[in-house]
C-alpha atoms as a PDB file:
ATOM      1  CA  MET A   1     -12.537 -34.315 -22.410  1.00  0.00           C
ATOM      2  CA  SER A   2     -15.909 -34.890 -20.751  1.00  0.00           C
ATOM      3  CA  SER A   3     -18.155 -31.855 -20.404  1.00  0.00           C
ATOM      4  CA  ASP A   4     -19.865 -33.363 -17.366  1.00  0.00           C
ATOM      5  CA  PRO A   5     -19.220 -31.445 -14.133  1.00  0.00           C
ATOM      6  CA  ILE A   6     -16.998 -32.950 -11.471  1.00  0.00           C
ATOM      7  CA  ARG A   7     -19.274 -33.875  -8.576  1.00  0.00           C
ATOM      8  CA  ILE A   8     -17.963 -33.053  -5.110  1.00  0.00           C
ATOM      9  CA  PHE A   9     -19.272 -33.976  -1.676  1.00  0.00           C
ATOM     10  CA  PRO A  10     -17.846 -31.765   1.133  1.00  0.00           C
ATOM     11  CA  LEU A  11     -17.862 -33.205   4.629  1.00  0.00           C
ATOM     12  CA  GLY A  12     -16.341 -32.598   8.029  1.00  0.00           C
ATOM     13  CA  ASN A  13     -16.420 -29.898  10.683  1.00  0.00           C
ATOM     14  CA  TYR A  14     -14.413 -27.529   8.483  1.00  0.00           C
ATOM     15  CA  ALA A  15     -16.470 -27.925   5.304  1.00  0.00           C
ATOM     16  CA  HIS A  16     -17.468 -24.260   5.579  1.00  0.00           C
ATOM     17  CA  ARG A  17     -13.818 -23.180   5.181  1.00  0.00           C
ATOM     18  CA  GLN A  18     -12.790 -24.253   1.681  1.00  0.00           C
ATOM     19  CA  PRO A  19     -13.143 -22.498  -1.700  1.00  0.00           C
ATOM     20  CA  LEU A  20     -16.420 -24.104  -2.744  1.00  0.00           C
ATOM     21  CA  ALA A  21     -18.079 -23.091   0.539  1.00  0.00           C
ATOM     22  CA  TYR A  22     -18.064 -19.435  -0.570  1.00  0.00           C
ATOM     23  CA  ALA A  23     -20.792 -18.258  -2.942  1.00  0.00           C
ATOM     24  CA  PRO A  24     -18.478 -16.001  -5.034  1.00  0.00           C
ATOM     25  CA  LEU A  25     -16.172 -18.941  -5.747  1.00  0.00           C
ATOM     26  CA  ARG A  26     -18.983 -21.409  -6.402  1.00  0.00           C
ATOM     27  CA  ASP A  27     -20.269 -18.913  -8.951  1.00  0.00           C
ATOM     28  CA  LEU A  28     -16.857 -18.950 -10.649  1.00  0.00           C
ATOM     29  CA  VAL A  29     -16.943 -22.686 -11.305  1.00  0.00           C
ATOM     30  CA  ALA A  30     -20.686 -23.161 -11.798  1.00  0.00           C
ATOM     31  CA  GLY A  31     -21.361 -25.938 -14.309  1.00  0.00           C
ATOM     32  CA  ARG A  32     -17.806 -27.302 -14.007  1.00  0.00           C
ATOM     33  CA  LEU A  33     -17.598 -28.241 -10.328  1.00  0.00           C
ATOM     34  CA  MET A  34     -20.872 -29.263  -8.705  1.00  0.00           C
ATOM     35  CA  LEU A  35     -21.599 -29.876  -5.026  1.00  0.00           C
ATOM     36  CA  VAL A  36     -23.736 -32.932  -4.301  1.00  0.00           C
ATOM     37  CA  ASP A  37     -25.510 -33.958  -1.091  1.00  0.00           C
ATOM     38  CA  SER A  38     -24.326 -37.532  -0.687  1.00  0.00           C
ATOM     39  CA  PRO A  39     -21.044 -39.445  -1.021  1.00  0.00           C
ATOM     40  CA  GLN A  40     -22.717 -41.947  -3.321  1.00  0.00           C
ATOM     41  CA  ALA A  41     -23.388 -39.207  -5.897  1.00  0.00           C
ATOM     42  CA  ALA A  42     -19.849 -37.796  -5.791  1.00  0.00           C
ATOM     43  CA  ASP A  43     -16.699 -38.246  -7.837  1.00  0.00           C
ATOM     44  CA  ILE A  44     -14.637 -36.588  -5.096  1.00  0.00           C
ATOM     45  CA  LEU A  45     -15.004 -36.589  -1.312  1.00  0.00           C
ATOM     46  CA  LEU A  46     -13.668 -33.282  -0.005  1.00  0.00           C
ATOM     47  CA  VAL A  47     -12.422 -32.235   3.440  1.00  0.00           C
ATOM     48  CA  ALA A  48     -10.801 -28.933   4.408  1.00  0.00           C
ATOM     49  CA  HIS A  49      -8.706 -29.779   7.495  1.00  0.00           C
ATOM     50  CA  SER A  50      -6.451 -32.701   8.355  1.00  0.00           C
ATOM     51  CA  LYS A  51      -8.530 -33.200  11.514  1.00  0.00           C
ATOM     52  CA  ASP A  52     -11.425 -34.187   9.262  1.00  0.00           C
ATOM     53  CA  LEU A  53      -9.405 -37.003   7.694  1.00  0.00           C
ATOM     54  CA  ASP A  54      -9.649 -38.672  11.065  1.00  0.00           C
ATOM     55  CA  SER A  55     -13.151 -37.630  12.130  1.00  0.00           C
ATOM     56  CA  GLU A  56     -14.624 -38.635   8.736  1.00  0.00           C
ATOM     57  CA  SER A  57     -12.379 -41.632   8.053  1.00  0.00           C
ATOM     58  CA  ALA A  58     -15.256 -44.106   8.369  1.00  0.00           C
ATOM     59  CA  ILE A  59     -16.912 -42.475   5.367  1.00  0.00           C
ATOM     60  CA  LEU A  60     -13.757 -41.584   3.435  1.00  0.00           C
ATOM     61  CA  GLY A  61     -12.428 -45.117   3.660  1.00  0.00           C
ATOM     62  CA  CYS A  62     -15.528 -47.002   2.630  1.00  0.00           C
ATOM     63  CA  TYR A  63     -15.836 -45.643  -0.920  1.00  0.00           C
ATOM     64  CA  PRO A  64     -12.779 -47.011  -2.752  1.00  0.00           C
ATOM     65  CA  ASP A  65     -14.222 -45.835  -6.068  1.00  0.00           C
ATOM     66  CA  LYS A  66     -14.201 -42.197  -4.895  1.00  0.00           C
ATOM     67  CA  LYS A  67     -11.204 -39.890  -4.849  1.00  0.00           C
ATOM     68  CA  VAL A  68     -10.447 -38.084  -1.599  1.00  0.00           C
ATOM     69  CA  VAL A  69      -9.150 -34.505  -1.554  1.00  0.00           C
ATOM     70  CA  LEU A  70      -7.956 -32.422   1.390  1.00  0.00           C
ATOM     71  CA  LEU A  71      -8.328 -28.840   0.129  1.00  0.00           C
ATOM     72  CA  SER A  72      -6.891 -26.478   2.746  1.00  0.00           C
ATOM     73  CA  GLU A  73      -7.017 -22.685   2.567  1.00  0.00           C
ATOM     74  CA  GLU A  74      -5.043 -22.285   5.826  1.00  0.00           C
ATOM     75  CA  PRO A  75      -1.263 -22.856   6.123  1.00  0.00           C
ATOM     76  CA  PHE A  76      -1.828 -22.452   9.869  1.00  0.00           C
ATOM     77  CA  TRP A  77      -3.917 -25.620   9.974  1.00  0.00           C
ATOM     78  CA  ASP A  78      -1.531 -27.496   7.711  1.00  0.00           C
ATOM     79  CA  THR A  79       1.664 -26.714   9.606  1.00  0.00           C
ATOM     80  CA  VAL A  80       0.269 -27.253  13.112  1.00  0.00           C
ATOM     81  CA  TRP A  81      -1.981 -30.287  12.613  1.00  0.00           C
ATOM     82  CA  ALA A  82      -1.121 -32.081   9.355  1.00  0.00           C
ATOM     83  CA  ALA A  83       1.361 -34.955   9.501  1.00  0.00           C
ATOM     84  CA  ASP A  84       2.958 -33.782   6.252  1.00  0.00           C
ATOM     85  CA  PRO A  85       1.872 -30.367   4.888  1.00  0.00           C
ATOM     86  CA  PHE A  86       4.179 -30.425   1.867  1.00  0.00           C
ATOM     87  CA  THR A  87       3.403 -33.643  -0.039  1.00  0.00           C
ATOM     88  CA  ARG A  88       0.600 -33.750  -2.580  1.00  0.00           C
ATOM     89  CA  GLN A  89      -0.155 -37.488  -2.738  1.00  0.00           C
ATOM     90  CA  GLN A  90      -0.500 -39.185   0.628  1.00  0.00           C
ATOM     91  CA  ARG A  91      -2.083 -42.124   2.412  1.00  0.00           C
ATOM     92  CA  PHE A  92      -4.110 -41.889   5.597  1.00  0.00           C
ATOM     93  CA  ALA A  93      -4.449 -44.834   7.964  1.00  0.00           C
ATOM     94  CA  SER A  94      -6.688 -45.133  11.008  1.00  0.00           C
ATOM     95  CA  GLU A  95      -8.677 -47.767  12.844  1.00  0.00           C
ATOM     96  CA  GLN A  96     -11.607 -46.828  10.619  1.00  0.00           C
ATOM     97  CA  GLY A  97      -9.782 -47.498   7.371  1.00  0.00           C
ATOM     98  CA  THR A  98      -6.938 -46.671   5.012  1.00  0.00           C
ATOM     99  CA  PHE A  99      -7.245 -44.542   1.896  1.00  0.00           C
ATOM    100  CA  ASP A 100      -5.199 -42.402  -0.467  1.00  0.00           C
ATOM    101  CA  PHE A 101      -5.838 -38.669  -0.703  1.00  0.00           C
ATOM    102  CA  THR A 102      -4.626 -35.621  -2.590  1.00  0.00           C
ATOM    103  CA  PHE A 103      -3.503 -32.682  -0.460  1.00  0.00           C
ATOM    104  CA  LEU A 104      -4.165 -29.326  -2.177  1.00  0.00           C
ATOM    105  CA  ASN A 105      -2.864 -26.311  -0.311  1.00  0.00           C
ATOM    106  CA  HIS A 106      -0.610 -23.261  -0.723  1.00  0.00           C
ATOM    107  CA  HIS A 107       2.470 -25.447  -1.102  1.00  0.00           C
ATOM    108  CA  THR A 108       1.212 -28.302  -3.275  1.00  0.00           C
ATOM    109  CA  SER A 109      -1.074 -26.492  -5.739  1.00  0.00           C
ATOM    110  CA  ASP A 110      -1.404 -23.311  -7.809  1.00  0.00           C
ATOM    111  CA  ILE A 111      -4.836 -22.467  -6.420  1.00  0.00           C
ATOM    112  CA  PHE A 112      -3.538 -19.790  -4.079  1.00  0.00           C
ATOM    113  CA  ALA A 113      -0.717 -18.396  -6.267  1.00  0.00           C
ATOM    114  CA  PHE A 114      -2.307 -14.970  -6.737  1.00  0.00           C
ATOM    115  CA  GLU A 115      -1.063 -12.146  -8.934  1.00  0.00           C
ATOM    116  CA  ARG A 116      -2.327  -8.995  -7.166  1.00  0.00           C
ATOM    117  CA  ILE A 117      -5.390  -9.870  -5.102  1.00  0.00           C
ATOM    118  CA  PRO A 118      -4.979 -12.904  -2.827  1.00  0.00           C
ATOM    119  CA  TYR A 119      -7.433 -15.748  -2.547  1.00  0.00           C
ATOM    120  CA  PHE A 120      -9.192 -14.795   0.683  1.00  0.00           C
ATOM    121  CA  LEU A 121     -10.257 -11.401  -0.656  1.00  0.00           C
ATOM    122  CA  LEU A 122     -12.161 -13.196  -3.437  1.00  0.00           C
ATOM    123  CA  THR A 123     -14.294 -15.232  -1.032  1.00  0.00           C
ATOM    124  CA  ASP A 124     -16.708 -12.399  -0.144  1.00  0.00           C
ATOM    125  CA  TYR A 125     -18.283  -9.914  -2.551  1.00  0.00           C
ATOM    126  CA  ARG A 126     -18.010  -7.186   0.106  1.00  0.00           C
ATOM    127  CA  PHE A 127     -14.213  -7.064   0.197  1.00  0.00           C
ATOM    128  CA  GLY A 128     -13.718  -5.482  -3.236  1.00  0.00           C
ATOM    129  CA  PRO A 129     -16.054  -2.462  -2.881  1.00  0.00           C
ATOM    130  CA  ARG A 130     -14.991  -1.943   0.727  1.00  0.00           C
ATOM    131  CA  TYR A 131     -11.323  -1.689  -0.210  1.00  0.00           C
ATOM    132  CA  ALA A 132     -12.040   0.275  -3.391  1.00  0.00           C
ATOM    133  CA  ARG A 133     -13.675   3.093  -1.436  1.00  0.00           C
ATOM    134  CA  ARG A 134     -10.861   3.363   1.066  1.00  0.00           C
ATOM    135  CA  PHE A 135      -7.967   3.045  -1.356  1.00  0.00           C
ATOM    136  CA  ALA A 136      -9.540   5.573  -3.743  1.00  0.00           C
ATOM    137  CA  ARG A 137      -9.734   7.979  -0.798  1.00  0.00           C
ATOM    138  CA  ASN A 138      -6.191   7.212   0.344  1.00  0.00           C
ATOM    139  CA  ALA A 139      -4.714   7.543  -3.150  1.00  0.00           C
ATOM    140  CA  ARG A 140      -5.853  11.163  -3.286  1.00  0.00           C
ATOM    141  CA  LYS A 141      -3.577  12.049  -0.372  1.00  0.00           C
ATOM    142  CA  SER A 142      -0.141  13.487  -1.058  1.00  0.00           C
ATOM    143  CA  PRO A 143       3.084  12.526   0.753  1.00  0.00           C
ATOM    144  CA  ARG A 144       2.647  15.723   2.771  1.00  0.00           C
ATOM    145  CA  ASP A 145      -0.873  14.652   3.739  1.00  0.00           C
ATOM    146  CA  TRP A 146       0.513  11.340   4.983  1.00  0.00           C
ATOM    147  CA  GLN A 147       3.220  13.129   6.932  1.00  0.00           C
ATOM    148  CA  ALA A 148       0.544  15.101   8.756  1.00  0.00           C
ATOM    149  CA  HIS A 149      -1.521  11.966   9.296  1.00  0.00           C
ATOM    150  CA  PHE A 150       1.273   9.975  10.935  1.00  0.00           C
ATOM    151  CA  SER A 151       2.382  12.901  13.083  1.00  0.00           C
ATOM    152  CA  ARG A 152      -1.068  13.222  14.652  1.00  0.00           C
ATOM    153  CA  ALA A 153      -2.087   9.543  14.881  1.00  0.00           C
ATOM    154  CA  LYS A 154      -3.274   8.828  18.438  1.00  0.00           C
ATOM    155  CA  ILE A 155      -2.426   5.106  18.561  1.00  0.00           C
ATOM    156  CA  GLN A 156       1.176   3.975  18.169  1.00  0.00           C
ATOM    157  CA  ALA A 157       0.293   0.403  17.229  1.00  0.00           C
ATOM    158  CA  ALA A 158      -2.792  -1.798  16.847  1.00  0.00           C
ATOM    159  CA  PHE A 159      -2.822  -5.587  17.098  1.00  0.00           C
ATOM    160  CA  VAL A 160      -5.999  -7.479  16.207  1.00  0.00           C
ATOM    161  CA  ALA A 161      -5.519 -11.238  16.620  1.00  0.00           C
ATOM    162  CA  GLU A 162      -6.067 -14.041  19.094  1.00  0.00           C
ATOM    163  CA  LYS A 163      -3.457 -14.527  21.805  1.00  0.00           C
ATOM    164  CA  ARG A 164      -1.650 -17.820  21.177  1.00  0.00           C
ATOM    165  CA  MET A 165       1.459 -18.426  23.288  1.00  0.00           C
ATOM    166  CA  ASN A 166       1.774 -22.218  23.049  1.00  0.00           C
ATOM    167  CA  GLU A 167       5.078 -23.499  21.639  1.00  0.00           C
ATOM    168  CA  LYS A 168       3.200 -25.625  19.115  1.00  0.00           C
ATOM    169  CA  PHE A 169       2.357 -22.415  17.260  1.00  0.00           C
ATOM    170  CA  ALA A 170       6.053 -21.689  16.656  1.00  0.00           C
ATOM    171  CA  VAL A 171       6.713 -24.493  14.163  1.00  0.00           C
ATOM    172  CA  ARG A 172       9.554 -24.020  11.680  1.00  0.00           C
ATOM    173  CA  PHE A 173      10.136 -25.654   8.298  1.00  0.00           C
ATOM    174  CA  GLU A 174      13.367 -24.034   7.127  1.00  0.00           C
ATOM    175  CA  ALA A 175      13.654 -25.906   3.814  1.00  0.00           C
ATOM    176  CA  GLU A 176      10.147 -24.830   2.808  1.00  0.00           C
ATOM    177  CA  ASP A 177      10.557 -21.219   4.055  1.00  0.00           C
ATOM    178  CA  THR A 178       7.481 -21.756   6.228  1.00  0.00           C
ATOM    179  CA  TYR A 179       7.157 -20.643   9.842  1.00  0.00           C
ATOM    180  CA  GLY A 180       4.437 -20.498  12.474  1.00  0.00           C
ATOM    181  CA  LEU A 181       3.983 -16.900  13.608  1.00  0.00           C
ATOM    182  CA  CYS A 182       1.156 -17.030  16.162  1.00  0.00           C
ATOM    183  CA  ARG A 183       3.438 -17.209  19.191  1.00  0.00           C
ATOM    184  CA  PHE A 184       5.846 -14.645  17.744  1.00  0.00           C
ATOM    185  CA  ARG A 185       2.947 -12.293  16.977  1.00  0.00           C
ATOM    186  CA  SER A 186       1.566 -12.685  20.500  1.00  0.00           C
ATOM    187  CA  GLN A 187       4.970 -11.975  22.025  1.00  0.00           C
ATOM    188  CA  VAL A 188       5.303  -8.797  19.949  1.00  0.00           C
ATOM    189  CA  THR A 189       1.804  -7.762  20.984  1.00  0.00           C
ATOM    190  CA  GLU A 190       2.395  -8.093  24.724  1.00  0.00           C
ATOM    191  CA  ILE A 191       5.673  -6.121  24.872  1.00  0.00           C
ATOM    192  CA  PRO A 192       5.117  -2.649  26.393  1.00  0.00           C
ATOM    193  CA  GLN A 193       5.672   0.187  23.954  1.00  0.00           C
ATOM    194  CA  SER A 194       5.901   3.950  24.101  1.00  0.00           C
ATOM    195  CA  GLY A 195       2.595   5.481  23.152  1.00  0.00           C
ATOM    196  CA  GLU A 196      -0.870   3.981  23.135  1.00  0.00           C
ATOM    197  CA  VAL A 197      -1.175   0.363  22.016  1.00  0.00           C
ATOM    198  CA  LEU A 198      -4.498  -1.227  21.048  1.00  0.00           C
ATOM    199  CA  ARG A 199      -4.743  -4.978  21.657  1.00  0.00           C
ATOM    200  CA  LEU A 200      -7.918  -6.662  20.400  1.00  0.00           C
ATOM    201  CA  GLY A 201      -8.835 -10.326  20.105  1.00  0.00           C
ATOM    202  CA  LYS A 202      -9.421 -13.394  22.245  1.00  0.00           C
ATOM    203  CA  GLY A 203      -7.016 -13.477  25.171  1.00  0.00           C
ATOM    204  CA  TRP A 204      -6.294  -9.744  25.128  1.00  0.00           C
ATOM    205  CA  ARG A 205      -9.631  -8.187  25.972  1.00  0.00           C
ATOM    206  CA  LYS A 206     -13.015  -9.443  27.113  1.00  0.00           C
ATOM    207  CA  GLY A 207     -15.790  -9.276  24.569  1.00  0.00           C
ATOM    208  CA  PRO A 208     -17.441 -11.247  21.784  1.00  0.00           C
ATOM    209  CA  LEU A 209     -15.290 -13.383  19.543  1.00  0.00           C
ATOM    210  CA  ARG A 210     -14.534 -11.889  16.152  1.00  0.00           C
ATOM    211  CA  GLN A 211     -16.591 -14.623  14.493  1.00  0.00           C
ATOM    212  CA  GLU A 212     -19.614 -13.642  16.592  1.00  0.00           C
ATOM    213  CA  LEU A 213     -19.715 -10.068  15.302  1.00  0.00           C
ATOM    214  CA  ASN A 214     -22.223  -9.215  12.602  1.00  0.00           C
ATOM    215  CA  ASP A 215     -19.403  -8.007  10.335  1.00  0.00           C
ATOM    216  CA  TRP A 216     -15.987  -8.523  11.934  1.00  0.00           C
ATOM    217  CA  HIS A 217     -14.113  -7.035   8.992  1.00  0.00           C
ATOM    218  CA  LEU A 218     -16.068  -3.780   8.810  1.00  0.00           C
ATOM    219  CA  GLU A 219     -15.862  -3.497  12.597  1.00  0.00           C
ATOM    220  CA  LYS A 220     -12.064  -3.662  12.389  1.00  0.00           C
ATOM    221  CA  LEU A 221     -11.816  -1.068   9.627  1.00  0.00           C
ATOM    222  CA  LEU A 222     -14.123   1.382  11.396  1.00  0.00           C
ATOM    223  CA  THR A 223     -12.299   0.957  14.705  1.00  0.00           C
ATOM    224  CA  LEU A 224      -8.816   1.579  13.287  1.00  0.00           C
ATOM    225  CA  ASP A 225      -9.464   4.005  10.423  1.00  0.00           C
ATOM    226  CA  GLY A 226      -7.171   7.019  10.641  1.00  0.00           C
ATOM    227  CA  GLN A 227      -6.117   6.250  14.221  1.00  0.00           C
ATOM    228  CA  CYS A 228      -2.823   4.318  14.002  1.00  0.00           C
ATOM    229  CA  ARG A 229       0.801   4.663  13.007  1.00  0.00           C
ATOM    230  CA  PHE A 230       1.401   0.914  12.874  1.00  0.00           C
ATOM    231  CA  VAL A 231      -1.106  -1.875  12.318  1.00  0.00           C
ATOM    232  CA  SER A 232      -0.038  -5.479  12.711  1.00  0.00           C
ATOM    233  CA  ALA A 233      -0.432  -7.504   9.522  1.00  0.00           C
ATOM    234  CA  LEU A 234       1.462 -10.462  10.981  1.00  0.00           C
ATOM    235  CA  GLU A 235      -0.112 -13.657   9.688  1.00  0.00           C
ATOM    236  CA  ASN A 236      -0.686 -16.919  11.519  1.00  0.00           C
ATOM    237  CA  THR A 237       1.935 -18.448   9.234  1.00  0.00           C
ATOM    238  CA  HIS A 238       4.718 -17.286   6.953  1.00  0.00           C
ATOM    239  CA  GLN A 239       4.258 -19.139   3.678  1.00  0.00           C
ATOM    240  CA  THR A 240       5.571 -17.519   0.524  1.00  0.00           C
ATOM    241  CA  THR A 241       2.253 -17.390  -1.373  1.00  0.00           C
ATOM    242  CA  TYR A 242       0.058 -16.651   1.651  1.00  0.00           C
ATOM    243  CA  LEU A 243      -1.548 -13.266   2.249  1.00  0.00           C
ATOM    244  CA  SER A 244      -4.852 -12.728   4.004  1.00  0.00           C
ATOM    245  CA  GLU A 245      -6.786  -9.502   4.532  1.00  0.00           C
ATOM    246  CA  LYS A 246      -4.453  -8.223   7.266  1.00  0.00           C
ATOM    247  CA  LEU A 247      -1.931  -6.352   5.113  1.00  0.00           C
ATOM    248  CA  PHE A 248      -4.681  -4.715   3.051  1.00  0.00           C
ATOM    249  CA  ASP A 249      -6.574  -3.713   6.183  1.00  0.00           C
ATOM    250  CA  ALA A 250      -3.483  -1.976   7.553  1.00  0.00           C
ATOM    251  CA  PHE A 251      -3.032   0.103   4.390  1.00  0.00           C
ATOM    252  CA  ALA A 252      -6.784   0.740   4.130  1.00  0.00           C
ATOM    253  CA  VAL A 253      -6.952   2.360   7.574  1.00  0.00           C
ATOM    254  CA  GLY A 254      -3.803   4.409   6.964  1.00  0.00           C
ATOM    255  CA  GLY A 255      -1.372   2.426   9.102  1.00  0.00           C
ATOM    256  CA  VAL A 256       2.111   1.137   8.403  1.00  0.00           C
ATOM    257  CA  PRO A 257       1.735  -2.649   8.094  1.00  0.00           C
ATOM    258  CA  ILE A 258       3.991  -4.751  10.312  1.00  0.00           C
ATOM    259  CA  PHE A 259       4.731  -7.857   8.266  1.00  0.00           C
ATOM    260  CA  TYR A 260       7.075 -10.853   8.261  1.00  0.00           C
ATOM    261  CA  ALA A 261       8.347 -11.684   4.771  1.00  0.00           C
ATOM    262  CA  SER A 262      11.401 -13.552   3.524  1.00  0.00           C
ATOM    263  CA  LYS A 263      13.040 -12.593   0.234  1.00  0.00           C
ATOM    264  CA  ALA A 264      10.913 -15.206  -1.539  1.00  0.00           C
ATOM    265  CA  HIS A 265       7.578 -13.981  -0.170  1.00  0.00           C
ATOM    266  CA  ARG A 266       4.999 -12.824  -2.721  1.00  0.00           C
ATOM    267  CA  LEU A 267       4.684  -9.455  -0.994  1.00  0.00           C
ATOM    268  CA  GLN A 268       8.235  -8.651  -2.084  1.00  0.00           C
ATOM    269  CA  GLY A 269       7.793  -6.630  -5.264  1.00  0.00           C
ATOM    270  CA  LEU A 270       4.028  -6.398  -4.927  1.00  0.00           C
ATOM    271  CA  LEU A 271       4.184  -3.047  -3.097  1.00  0.00           C
ATOM    272  CA  PRO A 272       7.094  -0.672  -2.365  1.00  0.00           C
ATOM    273  CA  ALA A 273       9.304  -2.207   0.314  1.00  0.00           C
ATOM    274  CA  ALA A 274       9.719   1.167   2.048  1.00  0.00           C
ATOM    275  CA  SER A 275       5.961   1.440   2.624  1.00  0.00           C
ATOM    276  CA  TRP A 276       5.735  -1.387   5.181  1.00  0.00           C
ATOM    277  CA  LEU A 277       7.827  -2.636   8.096  1.00  0.00           C
ATOM    278  CA  ASN A 278       9.424  -6.041   7.554  1.00  0.00           C
ATOM    279  CA  VAL A 279      10.364  -7.824  10.800  1.00  0.00           C
ATOM    280  CA  PHE A 280      11.537 -11.040   9.147  1.00  0.00           C
ATOM    281  CA  GLY A 281      14.277 -12.724  11.172  1.00  0.00           C
ATOM    282  CA  MET A 282      13.847 -10.387  14.161  1.00  0.00           C
ATOM    283  CA  THR A 283      13.077 -11.340  17.732  1.00  0.00           C
ATOM    284  CA  PRO A 284       9.892  -9.920  19.257  1.00  0.00           C
ATOM    285  CA  GLU A 285      11.995  -7.352  21.132  1.00  0.00           C
ATOM    286  CA  GLN A 286      13.827  -6.326  17.968  1.00  0.00           C
ATOM    287  CA  SER A 287      10.507  -5.984  16.171  1.00  0.00           C
ATOM    288  CA  VAL A 288       9.212  -3.518  18.756  1.00  0.00           C
ATOM    289  CA  THR A 289      12.501  -1.614  18.655  1.00  0.00           C
ATOM    290  CA  SER A 290      12.250  -1.368  14.859  1.00  0.00           C
ATOM    291  CA  MET A 291       8.861   0.306  15.267  1.00  0.00           C
ATOM    292  CA  THR A 292      10.302   2.802  17.745  1.00  0.00           C
ATOM    293  CA  ARG A 293      13.182   3.615  15.397  1.00  0.00           C
ATOM    294  CA  PHE A 294      11.129   3.644  12.205  1.00  0.00           C
ATOM    295  CA  CYS A 295      11.982   6.686  10.108  1.00  0.00           C
ATOM    296  CA  PHE A 296       8.932   8.643   8.965  1.00  0.00           C
ATOM    297  CA  ASP A 297      10.964  10.626   6.440  1.00  0.00           C
ATOM    298  CA  GLN A 298      10.156  11.964   2.988  1.00  0.00           C
ATOM    299  CA  ALA A 299      11.240   8.759   1.251  1.00  0.00           C
ATOM    300  CA  PHE A 300       8.802   6.753   3.378  1.00  0.00           C
ATOM    301  CA  HIS A 301       5.890   9.136   2.767  1.00  0.00           C
ATOM    302  CA  ILE A 302       6.504   9.001  -0.992  1.00  0.00           C
ATOM    303  CA  ALA A 303       6.663   5.178  -0.934  1.00  0.00           C
ATOM    304  CA  TYR A 304       3.525   4.996   1.189  1.00  0.00           C
ATOM    305  CA  GLN A 305       1.638   7.241  -1.212  1.00  0.00           C
ATOM    306  CA  GLN A 306       2.798   5.071  -4.124  1.00  0.00           C
ATOM    307  CA  ALA A 307       1.560   1.950  -2.319  1.00  0.00           C
ATOM    308  CA  GLN A 308      -1.857   3.525  -1.857  1.00  0.00           C
ATOM    309  CA  GLU A 309      -1.999   4.376  -5.584  1.00  0.00           C
ATOM    310  CA  GLN A 310      -1.133   0.786  -6.495  1.00  0.00           C
ATOM    311  CA  LEU A 311      -3.766  -0.591  -4.144  1.00  0.00           C
ATOM    312  CA  ALA A 312      -6.349   1.755  -5.631  1.00  0.00           C
ATOM    313  CA  GLU A 313      -5.469   0.326  -9.041  1.00  0.00           C
ATOM    314  CA  PHE A 314      -5.866  -3.224  -7.731  1.00  0.00           C
ATOM    315  CA  PHE A 315      -9.322  -2.650  -6.292  1.00  0.00           C
ATOM    316  CA  CYS A 316     -10.761   0.195  -8.376  1.00  0.00           C
ATOM    317  CA  ASN A 317      -9.890  -1.263 -11.781  1.00  0.00           C
ATOM    318  CA  PRO A 318     -12.523  -3.938 -12.566  1.00  0.00           C
ATOM    319  CA  ARG A 319     -10.167  -5.670 -14.986  1.00  0.00           C
ATOM    320  CA  VAL A 320      -7.768  -6.551 -12.165  1.00  0.00           C
ATOM    321  CA  MET A 321     -10.513  -8.272 -10.184  1.00  0.00           C
ATOM    322  CA  VAL A 322     -11.780 -10.080 -13.289  1.00  0.00           C
ATOM    323  CA  GLN A 323      -8.281 -11.287 -14.158  1.00  0.00           C
ATOM    324  CA  GLU A 324      -7.699 -12.532 -10.612  1.00  0.00           C
ATOM    325  CA  ARG A 325     -11.015 -14.384 -10.537  1.00  0.00           C
ATOM    326  CA  ASP A 326     -10.249 -15.905 -13.944  1.00  0.00           C
ATOM    327  CA  ARG A 327      -6.877 -17.089 -12.668  1.00  0.00           C
ATOM    328  CA  LEU A 328      -8.435 -18.667  -9.599  1.00  0.00           C
ATOM    329  CA  ARG A 329     -11.160 -20.383 -11.621  1.00  0.00           C
ATOM    330  CA  GLY A 330      -8.607 -21.838 -14.008  1.00  0.00           C
ATOM    331  CA  ALA A 331      -6.426 -23.068 -11.154  1.00  0.00           C
ATOM    332  CA  LEU A 332      -9.337 -24.704  -9.316  1.00  0.00           C
ATOM    333  CA  LEU A 333     -10.527 -26.498 -12.431  1.00  0.00           C
ATOM    334  CA  ALA A 334      -7.028 -27.613 -13.391  1.00  0.00           C
ATOM    335  CA  GLU A 335      -6.249 -28.975  -9.922  1.00  0.00           C
ATOM    336  CA  PHE A 336      -9.513 -30.933  -9.652  1.00  0.00           C
ATOM    337  CA  ARG A 337      -9.027 -32.383 -13.134  1.00  0.00           C
ATOM    338  CA  ARG A 338      -5.545 -33.555 -12.123  1.00  0.00           C
ATOM    339  CA  VAL A 339      -6.974 -35.401  -9.139  1.00  0.00           C
END
């Protein structure tokens, strides 16, 4: 096997949203995968969104000696915009040219098949310490402490996500256990509830976009910390290996995560099922009703405390982070070698 690094040229409007765009992940594969600044110098031409297959087709199609890879970190993009989000080897045809490409995403590769810490939380060095501090604090609380916390929480539910009501965001792929949740999440968010409800994000409240904030993630944690009974962790998309920061944020600020998970979802078995609210298969109205009827009993408070202890182990034990980074590095290298 050659020891030479695989040379990769990223291009397209979404080049900043793929694993090698993040410094922590580039560090993982340094010397094995190398970014280059021209297509001529590359072994692989890399895009991160199916839209870029079209916008960059003039370049992608004029280097028949180069391999083309669509490496997508977002099931949302894949299921709404890709012609076929579930097939690894595909062909793209446009007026600019025709070329073969390899589609690497949550469904077609092992890159995102995490053990305890999902992919997105490895893309920024700030996530680990930020969660470690909060979960270490939370793990010191007893079930009785959590009972007191939830009884005095001022906000019944918090929803932090963009409002997206278009039908195109409600795609369903039953055979692949994959579902668009943006419209469902927005419908849940807009239903009136008893108690105070916090709705943040584009379409709900005027203000700067999340991406325009100096540190959107810290802003969210500071805003919600210790204030909420429920915190929405509903993703853009239900895909069985997909978890973003949302679930971890909800636990970090001391809220009950609202999540949508089939029996095959990776969250099942990761944390105690009684510690989070699963609205899988419910209508938006049923989801809100399930929050109203949620039982904050002793069994829940014990399960919630156990979840906080497990999360503290995930983020406070350096070996867990090292093992997860090692797994991701191995998967990235293996997938690019297969190409």
